[in-house]
Amino acid sequence: MSHSVVVGIDGSAQSAAAAEWAAQEAHRRGLGLRMVHVAGAEVDALDRDLRGGRPVPEPVTAIRDRVTAALPGLEVSLEILPGNAAETLAVSRRAEVLVLGSRGVGGFAGLLVGSVGLRAAARATCPVVLVRAGADGRGGSPGDVVVGVEGDRPCDPVLAFAFRHAADTGAVLRAVESRNTSHGPYSTEAPVEQREIGESLAAAERQRLRDALARWREKYPEVRTEADVCPWSPARALVEASRSASLVVLGRRLARHPMAGPRLGPVAVSVLHHAHSPVAVVPHD
């Protein structure tokens, strides 16, 4: 299982949802599923539990048992790692995808993503997917795969992840770009000429976005794509799009300077906290 889908579990409903999402992703990719429980401060007591024949907490084994029962052909491992949860999970360098519950045990109500999820999403070298139990959106059903795009400079790793997931799940890929424009939106009370100019410019921008996706549409001809250019802020555009999405995909730029610490931009933080669907954060240069 050197290349696998890794999921962090702590026995919470959030991590159970993450484990189910990760298991389906591993099954689609033909990979193993590596379930990780980070003991942290519990490690000394856990060592005693290991000697006593109880290797993991019962809620954690219950999650594993549900996953293996649902997908009996899936190769699953469960292990306990000592140390800080965010640091330990974020260094899963050989993982294809790292999946976490959006808020674990002990999180604050109202914060949809806890500190572990945020730090892991900022540090991991592989894509990180944050899954929230009881999300308002389409969850694991075949809703749109929404990807945030800058049409002038589309990011290949982000589009590659989004197109592959759409192809694997049979979903529509919806590319969303936020672009402030001077032409709209216009109300129906605006002069006809003004509305026509605005509509023409909006159509040209959507075509520019479709052109930016052309290479990926050729690579994944089975994926139906939609291009949406909107005047909202990037965070609002993606959060609104997440209402009917099965997954929102956005990018995180890797630190260019060796002294620069890993960080998430304000758009990513806002989307992670407010999205109605799982969110994938894909690192890129």
C-alpha atoms as a PDB file:
ATOM      1  CA  MET A   1       0.000   0.000   0.000  1.00  0.00           C
ATOM      2  CA  SER A   2       2.886   2.358  -0.774  1.00  0.00           C
ATOM      3  CA  HIS A   3       0.535   4.418  -2.959  1.00  0.00           C
ATOM      4  CA  SER A   4      -2.866   4.571  -1.353  1.00  0.00           C
ATOM      5  CA  VAL A   5      -5.694   6.798  -0.245  1.00  0.00           C
ATOM      6  CA  VAL A   6      -5.020   7.837   3.357  1.00  0.00           C
ATOM      7  CA  VAL A   7      -7.804   8.819   5.740  1.00  0.00           C
ATOM      8  CA  GLY A   8      -7.452  10.124   9.267  1.00  0.00           C
ATOM      9  CA  ILE A   9     -10.032   8.761  11.688  1.00  0.00           C
ATOM     10  CA  ASP A  10     -10.768   9.577  15.311  1.00  0.00           C
ATOM     11  CA  GLY A  11     -14.139   7.910  15.836  1.00  0.00           C
ATOM     12  CA  SER A  12     -16.209  11.054  15.168  1.00  0.00           C
ATOM     13  CA  ALA A  13     -19.112  11.311  12.717  1.00  0.00           C
ATOM     14  CA  GLN A  14     -16.918  13.620  10.630  1.00  0.00           C
ATOM     15  CA  SER A  15     -14.161  11.048  10.317  1.00  0.00           C
ATOM     16  CA  ALA A  16     -16.709   8.323   9.565  1.00  0.00           C
ATOM     17  CA  ALA A  17     -17.957  10.410   6.633  1.00  0.00           C
ATOM     18  CA  ALA A  18     -14.353  10.949   5.561  1.00  0.00           C
ATOM     19  CA  ALA A  19     -13.653   7.210   5.721  1.00  0.00           C
ATOM     20  CA  GLU A  20     -16.661   6.422   3.539  1.00  0.00           C
ATOM     21  CA  TRP A  21     -15.610   9.047   0.976  1.00  0.00           C
ATOM     22  CA  ALA A  22     -12.004   7.808   1.022  1.00  0.00           C
ATOM     23  CA  ALA A  23     -13.074   4.181   0.609  1.00  0.00           C
ATOM     24  CA  GLN A  24     -15.115   5.014  -2.483  1.00  0.00           C
ATOM     25  CA  GLU A  25     -12.207   7.027  -3.909  1.00  0.00           C
ATOM     26  CA  ALA A  26      -9.748   4.178  -3.286  1.00  0.00           C
ATOM     27  CA  HIS A  27     -12.156   1.702  -4.879  1.00  0.00           C
ATOM     28  CA  ARG A  28     -12.552   3.886  -7.996  1.00  0.00           C
ATOM     29  CA  ARG A  29      -8.782   4.332  -8.336  1.00  0.00           C
ATOM     30  CA  GLY A  30      -7.971   0.679  -7.691  1.00  0.00           C
ATOM     31  CA  LEU A  31      -5.858   1.596  -4.649  1.00  0.00           C
ATOM     32  CA  GLY A  32      -5.657   0.438  -1.071  1.00  0.00           C
ATOM     33  CA  LEU A  33      -7.130   2.423   1.816  1.00  0.00           C
ATOM     34  CA  ARG A  34      -4.827   3.323   4.685  1.00  0.00           C
ATOM     35  CA  MET A  35      -6.743   4.344   7.794  1.00  0.00           C
ATOM     36  CA  VAL A  36      -4.687   6.278  10.339  1.00  0.00           C
ATOM     37  CA  HIS A  37      -5.525   7.108  13.933  1.00  0.00           C
ATOM     38  CA  VAL A  38      -3.101   9.584  15.495  1.00  0.00           C
ATOM     39  CA  ALA A  39      -2.818   8.922  19.213  1.00  0.00           C
ATOM     40  CA  GLY A  40      -1.126  12.168  20.252  1.00  0.00           C
ATOM     41  CA  ALA A  41      -1.207  12.540  24.034  1.00  0.00           C
ATOM     42  CA  GLU A  42      -2.920   9.164  24.334  1.00  0.00           C
ATOM     43  CA  VAL A  43       0.143   7.264  23.117  1.00  0.00           C
ATOM     44  CA  ASP A  44       1.380   6.086  26.551  1.00  0.00           C
ATOM     45  CA  ALA A  45      -2.028   4.753  27.527  1.00  0.00           C
ATOM     46  CA  LEU A  46      -2.359   3.298  24.052  1.00  0.00           C
ATOM     47  CA  ASP A  47       0.906   1.382  24.490  1.00  0.00           C
ATOM     48  CA  ARG A  48      -0.637  -0.207  27.575  1.00  0.00           C
ATOM     49  CA  ASP A  49      -3.764  -0.988  25.575  1.00  0.00           C
ATOM     50  CA  LEU A  50      -1.633  -2.651  22.915  1.00  0.00           C
ATOM     51  CA  ARG A  51      -0.025  -4.887  25.526  1.00  0.00           C
ATOM     52  CA  GLY A  52      -3.490  -5.633  26.832  1.00  0.00           C
ATOM     53  CA  GLY A  53      -4.693  -6.780  23.431  1.00  0.00           C
ATOM     54  CA  ARG A  54      -6.850  -3.727  22.596  1.00  0.00           C
ATOM     55  CA  PRO A  55      -4.960  -2.063  19.710  1.00  0.00           C
ATOM     56  CA  VAL A  56      -7.357   0.761  18.809  1.00  0.00           C
ATOM     57  CA  PRO A  57     -10.349   2.580  20.311  1.00  0.00           C
ATOM     58  CA  GLU A  58     -13.691   0.903  19.608  1.00  0.00           C
ATOM     59  CA  PRO A  59     -15.226   3.821  17.603  1.00  0.00           C
ATOM     60  CA  VAL A  60     -12.228   3.645  15.254  1.00  0.00           C
ATOM     61  CA  THR A  61     -12.546  -0.093  14.658  1.00  0.00           C
ATOM     62  CA  ALA A  62     -16.287   0.375  14.126  1.00  0.00           C
ATOM     63  CA  ILE A  63     -15.549   2.786  11.249  1.00  0.00           C
ATOM     64  CA  ARG A  64     -13.105   0.306   9.734  1.00  0.00           C
ATOM     65  CA  ASP A  65     -15.621  -2.534  10.037  1.00  0.00           C
ATOM     66  CA  ARG A  66     -18.342  -0.504   8.281  1.00  0.00           C
ATOM     67  CA  VAL A  67     -16.005   0.298   5.407  1.00  0.00           C
ATOM     68  CA  THR A  68     -14.837  -3.285   4.921  1.00  0.00           C
ATOM     69  CA  ALA A  69     -18.413  -4.549   5.077  1.00  0.00           C
ATOM     70  CA  ALA A  70     -19.516  -2.067   2.405  1.00  0.00           C
ATOM     71  CA  LEU A  71     -16.539  -2.772   0.106  1.00  0.00           C
ATOM     72  CA  PRO A  72     -15.340  -6.296   0.929  1.00  0.00           C
ATOM     73  CA  GLY A  73     -12.845  -6.369  -1.957  1.00  0.00           C
ATOM     74  CA  LEU A  74     -11.032  -3.220  -0.829  1.00  0.00           C
ATOM     75  CA  GLU A  75      -7.587  -3.611   0.706  1.00  0.00           C
ATOM     76  CA  VAL A  76      -7.742  -1.797   4.059  1.00  0.00           C
ATOM     77  CA  SER A  77      -5.106  -1.241   6.721  1.00  0.00           C
ATOM     78  CA  LEU A  78      -5.540   0.465  10.085  1.00  0.00           C
ATOM     79  CA  GLU A  79      -2.630   1.813  12.075  1.00  0.00           C
ATOM     80  CA  ILE A  80      -1.903   4.013  15.056  1.00  0.00           C
ATOM     81  CA  LEU A  81       0.683   6.779  14.781  1.00  0.00           C
ATOM     82  CA  PRO A  82       2.063   8.853  17.652  1.00  0.00           C
ATOM     83  CA  GLY A  83       2.513  12.601  17.521  1.00  0.00           C
ATOM     84  CA  ASN A  84       0.677  15.706  16.391  1.00  0.00           C
ATOM     85  CA  ALA A  85      -2.299  14.879  14.184  1.00  0.00           C
ATOM     86  CA  ALA A  86      -1.810  17.631  11.602  1.00  0.00           C
ATOM     87  CA  GLU A  87       1.926  17.079  11.259  1.00  0.00           C
ATOM     88  CA  THR A  88       1.703  13.295  11.115  1.00  0.00           C
ATOM     89  CA  LEU A  89      -1.072  13.212   8.529  1.00  0.00           C
ATOM     90  CA  ALA A  90       0.402  16.012   6.435  1.00  0.00           C
ATOM     91  CA  VAL A  91       3.663  14.143   5.886  1.00  0.00           C
ATOM     92  CA  SER A  92       1.884  11.267   4.137  1.00  0.00           C
ATOM     93  CA  ARG A  93       4.133  11.881   1.155  1.00  0.00           C
ATOM     94  CA  ARG A  94       3.353   8.592  -0.550  1.00  0.00           C
ATOM     95  CA  ALA A  95      -0.411   9.085  -0.427  1.00  0.00           C
ATOM     96  CA  GLU A  96      -2.336   9.718  -3.629  1.00  0.00           C
ATOM     97  CA  VAL A  97      -5.008  11.566  -1.663  1.00  0.00           C
ATOM     98  CA  LEU A  98      -5.347  12.489   2.026  1.00  0.00           C
ATOM     99  CA  VAL A  99      -8.928  12.594   3.335  1.00  0.00           C
ATOM    100  CA  LEU A 100     -10.000  14.120   6.653  1.00  0.00           C
ATOM    101  CA  GLY A 101     -13.208  14.905   8.444  1.00  0.00           C
ATOM    102  CA  SER A 102     -13.798  18.622   8.371  1.00  0.00           C
ATOM    103  CA  ARG A 103     -14.070  18.810  12.160  1.00  0.00           C
ATOM    104  CA  GLY A 104     -12.926  16.164  14.603  1.00  0.00           C
ATOM    105  CA  VAL A 105     -13.652  15.335  18.224  1.00  0.00           C
ATOM    106  CA  GLY A 106     -13.460  18.421  20.432  1.00  0.00           C
ATOM    107  CA  GLY A 107     -14.012  20.947  17.641  1.00  0.00           C
ATOM    108  CA  PHE A 108     -15.917  24.159  18.194  1.00  0.00           C
ATOM    109  CA  ALA A 109     -19.526  24.327  17.005  1.00  0.00           C
ATOM    110  CA  GLY A 110     -19.929  26.619  14.023  1.00  0.00           C
ATOM    111  CA  LEU A 111     -16.399  26.080  12.730  1.00  0.00           C
ATOM    112  CA  LEU A 112     -16.784  23.656   9.855  1.00  0.00           C
ATOM    113  CA  VAL A 113     -13.063  22.961   9.591  1.00  0.00           C
ATOM    114  CA  GLY A 114     -10.890  22.404  12.635  1.00  0.00           C
ATOM    115  CA  SER A 115      -7.244  23.303  13.081  1.00  0.00           C
ATOM    116  CA  VAL A 116      -6.070  19.799  12.108  1.00  0.00           C
ATOM    117  CA  GLY A 117      -7.853  19.978   8.765  1.00  0.00           C
ATOM    118  CA  LEU A 118      -6.615  23.476   8.009  1.00  0.00           C
ATOM    119  CA  ARG A 119      -3.005  22.692   8.898  1.00  0.00           C
ATOM    120  CA  ALA A 120      -3.021  19.437   6.953  1.00  0.00           C
ATOM    121  CA  ALA A 121      -4.513  21.147   3.899  1.00  0.00           C
ATOM    122  CA  ALA A 122      -1.779  23.797   4.124  1.00  0.00           C
ATOM    123  CA  ARG A 123       1.128  21.358   4.556  1.00  0.00           C
ATOM    124  CA  ALA A 124       0.377  18.159   2.652  1.00  0.00           C
ATOM    125  CA  THR A 125       2.199  17.512  -0.599  1.00  0.00           C
ATOM    126  CA  CYS A 126      -0.750  15.556  -2.018  1.00  0.00           C
ATOM    127  CA  PRO A 127      -4.357  16.647  -2.581  1.00  0.00           C
ATOM    128  CA  VAL A 128      -6.328  16.926   0.672  1.00  0.00           C
ATOM    129  CA  VAL A 129     -10.091  16.364   0.753  1.00  0.00           C
ATOM    130  CA  LEU A 130     -12.111  17.697   3.690  1.00  0.00           C
ATOM    131  CA  VAL A 131     -15.453  15.934   4.218  1.00  0.00           C
ATOM    132  CA  ARG A 132     -18.213  17.148   6.495  1.00  0.00           C
ATOM    133  CA  ALA A 133     -20.867  14.827   7.911  1.00  0.00           C
ATOM    134  CA  GLY A 134     -24.418  15.952   7.210  1.00  0.00           C
ATOM    135  CA  ALA A 135     -23.403  18.443   4.517  1.00  0.00           C
ATOM    136  CA  ASP A 136     -26.181  20.425   2.849  1.00  0.00           C
ATOM    137  CA  GLY A 137     -24.952  19.680  -0.678  1.00  0.00           C
ATOM    138  CA  ARG A 138     -25.129  16.563  -2.796  1.00  0.00           C
ATOM    139  CA  GLY A 139     -22.369  14.857  -0.810  1.00  0.00           C
ATOM    140  CA  GLY A 140     -21.318  11.622  -2.509  1.00  0.00           C
ATOM    141  CA  SER A 141     -24.108  11.627  -5.094  1.00  0.00           C
ATOM    142  CA  PRO A 142     -23.400  12.521  -8.736  1.00  0.00           C
ATOM    143  CA  GLY A 143     -23.622  16.282  -8.363  1.00  0.00           C
ATOM    144  CA  ASP A 144     -21.312  18.595 -10.268  1.00  0.00           C
ATOM    145  CA  VAL A 145     -17.575  18.566  -9.726  1.00  0.00           C
ATOM    146  CA  VAL A 146     -16.929  22.282  -9.310  1.00  0.00           C
ATOM    147  CA  VAL A 147     -13.422  23.582  -9.969  1.00  0.00           C
ATOM    148  CA  GLY A 148     -12.175  27.098  -9.417  1.00  0.00           C
ATOM    149  CA  VAL A 149     -10.339  28.335 -12.523  1.00  0.00           C
ATOM    150  CA  GLU A 150      -8.443  31.390 -13.631  1.00  0.00           C
ATOM    151  CA  GLY A 151      -9.081  31.333 -17.364  1.00  0.00           C
ATOM    152  CA  ASP A 152      -5.976  33.376 -18.161  1.00  0.00           C
ATOM    153  CA  ARG A 153      -3.712  30.879 -16.381  1.00  0.00           C
ATOM    154  CA  PRO A 154      -5.425  27.533 -15.769  1.00  0.00           C
ATOM    155  CA  CYS A 155      -3.616  25.260 -13.312  1.00  0.00           C
ATOM    156  CA  ASP A 156      -2.903  21.784 -14.668  1.00  0.00           C
ATOM    157  CA  PRO A 157      -2.692  19.838 -11.341  1.00  0.00           C
ATOM    158  CA  VAL A 158      -6.019  21.295 -10.177  1.00  0.00           C
ATOM    159  CA  LEU A 159      -7.770  20.591 -13.488  1.00  0.00           C
ATOM    160  CA  ALA A 160      -6.242  17.114 -13.682  1.00  0.00           C
ATOM    161  CA  PHE A 161      -7.659  16.205 -10.268  1.00  0.00           C
ATOM    162  CA  ALA A 162     -11.071  17.683 -11.068  1.00  0.00           C
ATOM    163  CA  PHE A 163     -11.406  16.073 -14.498  1.00  0.00           C
ATOM    164  CA  ARG A 164     -10.295  12.680 -13.222  1.00  0.00           C
ATOM    165  CA  HIS A 165     -12.807  12.757 -10.387  1.00  0.00           C
ATOM    166  CA  ALA A 166     -15.572  13.813 -12.765  1.00  0.00           C
ATOM    167  CA  ALA A 167     -14.639  11.013 -15.161  1.00  0.00           C
ATOM    168  CA  ASP A 168     -14.500   8.421 -12.368  1.00  0.00           C
ATOM    169  CA  THR A 169     -17.867   9.437 -10.916  1.00  0.00           C
ATOM    170  CA  GLY A 170     -19.732  10.318 -14.115  1.00  0.00           C
ATOM    171  CA  ALA A 171     -20.289  13.872 -12.910  1.00  0.00           C
ATOM    172  CA  VAL A 172     -20.540  17.079 -14.878  1.00  0.00           C
ATOM    173  CA  LEU A 173     -17.460  19.271 -14.487  1.00  0.00           C
ATOM    174  CA  ARG A 174     -18.399  22.878 -13.822  1.00  0.00           C
ATOM    175  CA  ALA A 175     -15.542  25.356 -14.148  1.00  0.00           C
ATOM    176  CA  VAL A 176     -16.189  28.528 -12.159  1.00  0.00           C
ATOM    177  CA  GLU A 177     -14.271  31.752 -12.627  1.00  0.00           C
ATOM    178  CA  SER A 178     -14.759  34.944 -10.680  1.00  0.00           C
ATOM    179  CA  ARG A 179     -14.204  38.030 -12.771  1.00  0.00           C
ATOM    180  CA  ASN A 180     -15.210  41.560 -11.912  1.00  0.00           C
ATOM    181  CA  THR A 181     -16.581  43.167 -15.019  1.00  0.00           C
ATOM    182  CA  SER A 182     -17.756  46.650 -15.766  1.00  0.00           C
ATOM    183  CA  HIS A 183     -20.635  45.417 -17.844  1.00  0.00           C
ATOM    184  CA  GLY A 184     -22.866  43.622 -15.438  1.00  0.00           C
ATOM    185  CA  PRO A 185     -24.923  42.144 -14.295  1.00  0.00           C
ATOM    186  CA  TYR A 186     -27.504  44.426 -15.901  1.00  0.00           C
ATOM    187  CA  SER A 187     -31.104  44.633 -14.734  1.00  0.00           C
ATOM    188  CA  THR A 188     -33.995  44.072 -17.098  1.00  0.00           C
ATOM    189  CA  GLU A 189     -34.703  47.797 -16.807  1.00  0.00           C
ATOM    190  CA  ALA A 190     -31.377  48.738 -18.431  1.00  0.00           C
ATOM    191  CA  PRO A 191     -31.450  49.969 -22.051  1.00  0.00           C
ATOM    192  CA  VAL A 192     -31.628  47.187 -24.628  1.00  0.00           C
ATOM    193  CA  GLU A 193     -28.301  48.160 -26.163  1.00  0.00           C
ATOM    194  CA  GLN A 194     -26.601  48.048 -22.778  1.00  0.00           C
ATOM    195  CA  ARG A 195     -28.009  44.618 -21.997  1.00  0.00           C
ATOM    196  CA  GLU A 196     -26.958  43.286 -25.388  1.00  0.00           C
ATOM    197  CA  ILE A 197     -23.398  44.533 -24.899  1.00  0.00           C
ATOM    198  CA  GLY A 198     -23.249  42.959 -21.452  1.00  0.00           C
ATOM    199  CA  GLU A 199     -24.599  39.630 -22.687  1.00  0.00           C
ATOM    200  CA  SER A 200     -22.146  39.624 -25.590  1.00  0.00           C
ATOM    201  CA  LEU A 201     -19.176  40.290 -23.305  1.00  0.00           C
ATOM    202  CA  ALA A 202     -20.322  37.612 -20.844  1.00  0.00           C
ATOM    203  CA  ALA A 203     -20.619  35.087 -23.693  1.00  0.00           C
ATOM    204  CA  ALA A 204     -17.101  35.970 -24.853  1.00  0.00           C
ATOM    205  CA  GLU A 205     -15.731  35.403 -21.355  1.00  0.00           C
ATOM    206  CA  ARG A 206     -17.444  32.022 -21.074  1.00  0.00           C
ATOM    207  CA  GLN A 207     -15.941  31.048 -24.441  1.00  0.00           C
ATOM    208  CA  ARG A 208     -12.508  32.126 -23.232  1.00  0.00           C
ATOM    209  CA  LEU A 209     -12.941  29.888 -20.202  1.00  0.00           C
ATOM    210  CA  ARG A 210     -14.078  26.975 -22.391  1.00  0.00           C
ATOM    211  CA  ASP A 211     -10.991  27.492 -24.559  1.00  0.00           C
ATOM    212  CA  ALA A 212      -8.807  27.276 -21.437  1.00  0.00           C
ATOM    213  CA  LEU A 213     -10.354  23.852 -20.736  1.00  0.00           C
ATOM    214  CA  ALA A 214      -9.990  22.583 -24.318  1.00  0.00           C
ATOM    215  CA  ARG A 215      -6.922  20.391 -23.729  1.00  0.00           C
ATOM    216  CA  TRP A 216      -8.560  18.667 -20.768  1.00  0.00           C
ATOM    217  CA  ARG A 217     -11.839  18.212 -22.615  1.00  0.00           C
ATOM    218  CA  GLU A 218      -9.885  16.401 -25.343  1.00  0.00           C
ATOM    219  CA  LYS A 219      -8.205  14.171 -22.756  1.00  0.00           C
ATOM    220  CA  TYR A 220     -11.525  13.386 -21.040  1.00  0.00           C
ATOM    221  CA  PRO A 221     -14.081  13.460 -23.883  1.00  0.00           C
ATOM    222  CA  GLU A 222     -16.596  11.567 -21.747  1.00  0.00           C
ATOM    223  CA  VAL A 223     -16.798  14.419 -19.226  1.00  0.00           C
ATOM    224  CA  ARG A 224     -19.472  17.005 -19.932  1.00  0.00           C
ATOM    225  CA  THR A 225     -18.233  20.461 -18.994  1.00  0.00           C
ATOM    226  CA  GLU A 226     -19.876  23.768 -18.201  1.00  0.00           C
ATOM    227  CA  ALA A 227     -18.195  27.174 -17.936  1.00  0.00           C
ATOM    228  CA  ASP A 228     -19.503  29.756 -15.503  1.00  0.00           C
ATOM    229  CA  VAL A 229     -18.044  33.265 -15.243  1.00  0.00           C
ATOM    230  CA  CYS A 230     -19.640  35.268 -12.450  1.00  0.00           C
ATOM    231  CA  PRO A 231     -19.153  38.739 -10.936  1.00  0.00           C
ATOM    232  CA  TRP A 232     -19.004  37.510  -7.325  1.00  0.00           C
ATOM    233  CA  SER A 233     -15.868  37.090  -5.252  1.00  0.00           C
ATOM    234  CA  PRO A 234     -14.062  33.742  -5.786  1.00  0.00           C
ATOM    235  CA  ALA A 235     -15.048  32.438  -2.344  1.00  0.00           C
ATOM    236  CA  ARG A 236     -18.725  33.314  -2.737  1.00  0.00           C
ATOM    237  CA  ALA A 237     -18.842  31.880  -6.255  1.00  0.00           C
ATOM    238  CA  LEU A 238     -17.431  28.528  -5.116  1.00  0.00           C
ATOM    239  CA  VAL A 239     -19.551  28.350  -1.953  1.00  0.00           C
ATOM    240  CA  GLU A 240     -22.719  29.022  -3.935  1.00  0.00           C
ATOM    241  CA  ALA A 241     -21.711  26.457  -6.558  1.00  0.00           C
ATOM    242  CA  SER A 242     -21.090  23.891  -3.795  1.00  0.00           C
ATOM    243  CA  ARG A 243     -24.824  23.729  -3.029  1.00  0.00           C
ATOM    244  CA  SER A 244     -25.367  21.338  -5.931  1.00  0.00           C
ATOM    245  CA  ALA A 245     -21.857  19.844  -6.003  1.00  0.00           C
ATOM    246  CA  SER A 246     -20.440  16.470  -5.078  1.00  0.00           C
ATOM    247  CA  LEU A 247     -16.983  18.040  -4.762  1.00  0.00           C
ATOM    248  CA  VAL A 248     -15.367  21.482  -4.975  1.00  0.00           C
ATOM    249  CA  VAL A 249     -11.756  21.531  -6.178  1.00  0.00           C
ATOM    250  CA  LEU A 250      -9.408  24.463  -5.637  1.00  0.00           C
ATOM    251  CA  GLY A 251      -5.670  25.005  -5.680  1.00  0.00           C
ATOM    252  CA  ARG A 252      -3.033  25.911  -3.113  1.00  0.00           C
ATOM    253  CA  ARG A 253       0.237  27.366  -4.280  1.00  0.00           C
ATOM    254  CA  LEU A 254       3.326  25.744  -2.788  1.00  0.00           C
ATOM    255  CA  ALA A 255       5.764  28.044  -1.026  1.00  0.00           C
ATOM    256  CA  ARG A 256       8.356  29.301  -3.504  1.00  0.00           C
ATOM    257  CA  HIS A 257      10.937  30.334  -0.904  1.00  0.00           C
ATOM    258  CA  PRO A 258      12.447  27.718   1.457  1.00  0.00           C
ATOM    259  CA  MET A 259      11.945  30.086   4.402  1.00  0.00           C
ATOM    260  CA  ALA A 260       8.270  30.687   3.609  1.00  0.00           C
ATOM    261  CA  GLY A 261       5.900  28.625   5.706  1.00  0.00           C
ATOM    262  CA  PRO A 262       2.966  26.679   4.262  1.00  0.00           C
ATOM    263  CA  ARG A 263      -0.304  28.563   4.204  1.00  0.00           C
ATOM    264  CA  LEU A 264      -3.794  28.571   2.815  1.00  0.00           C
ATOM    265  CA  GLY A 265      -5.035  31.652   1.039  1.00  0.00           C
ATOM    266  CA  PRO A 266      -8.157  33.498   2.215  1.00  0.00           C
ATOM    267  CA  VAL A 267     -10.287  32.017  -0.581  1.00  0.00           C
ATOM    268  CA  ALA A 268      -9.399  28.446   0.388  1.00  0.00           C
ATOM    269  CA  VAL A 269     -10.033  29.109   4.090  1.00  0.00           C
ATOM    270  CA  SER A 270     -13.412  30.684   3.377  1.00  0.00           C
ATOM    271  CA  VAL A 271     -14.505  27.873   1.057  1.00  0.00           C
ATOM    272  CA  LEU A 272     -13.378  25.192   3.511  1.00  0.00           C
ATOM    273  CA  HIS A 273     -15.411  26.782   6.292  1.00  0.00           C
ATOM    274  CA  HIS A 274     -18.598  27.437   4.325  1.00  0.00           C
ATOM    275  CA  ALA A 275     -18.879  24.918   1.468  1.00  0.00           C
ATOM    276  CA  HIS A 276     -21.905  22.615   1.330  1.00  0.00           C
ATOM    277  CA  SER A 277     -19.949  19.720  -0.173  1.00  0.00           C
ATOM    278  CA  PRO A 278     -16.564  18.044   0.300  1.00  0.00           C
ATOM    279  CA  VAL A 279     -13.646  20.255  -0.730  1.00  0.00           C
ATOM    280  CA  ALA A 280     -10.379  19.153  -2.341  1.00  0.00           C
ATOM    281  CA  VAL A 281      -7.291  21.356  -1.949  1.00  0.00           C
ATOM    282  CA  VAL A 282      -4.685  20.527  -4.599  1.00  0.00           C
ATOM    283  CA  PRO A 283      -1.099  21.793  -4.132  1.00  0.00           C
ATOM    284  CA  HIS A 284       0.709  23.162  -7.174  1.00  0.00           C
ATOM    285  CA  ASP A 285       3.771  25.226  -8.112  1.00  0.00           C
END
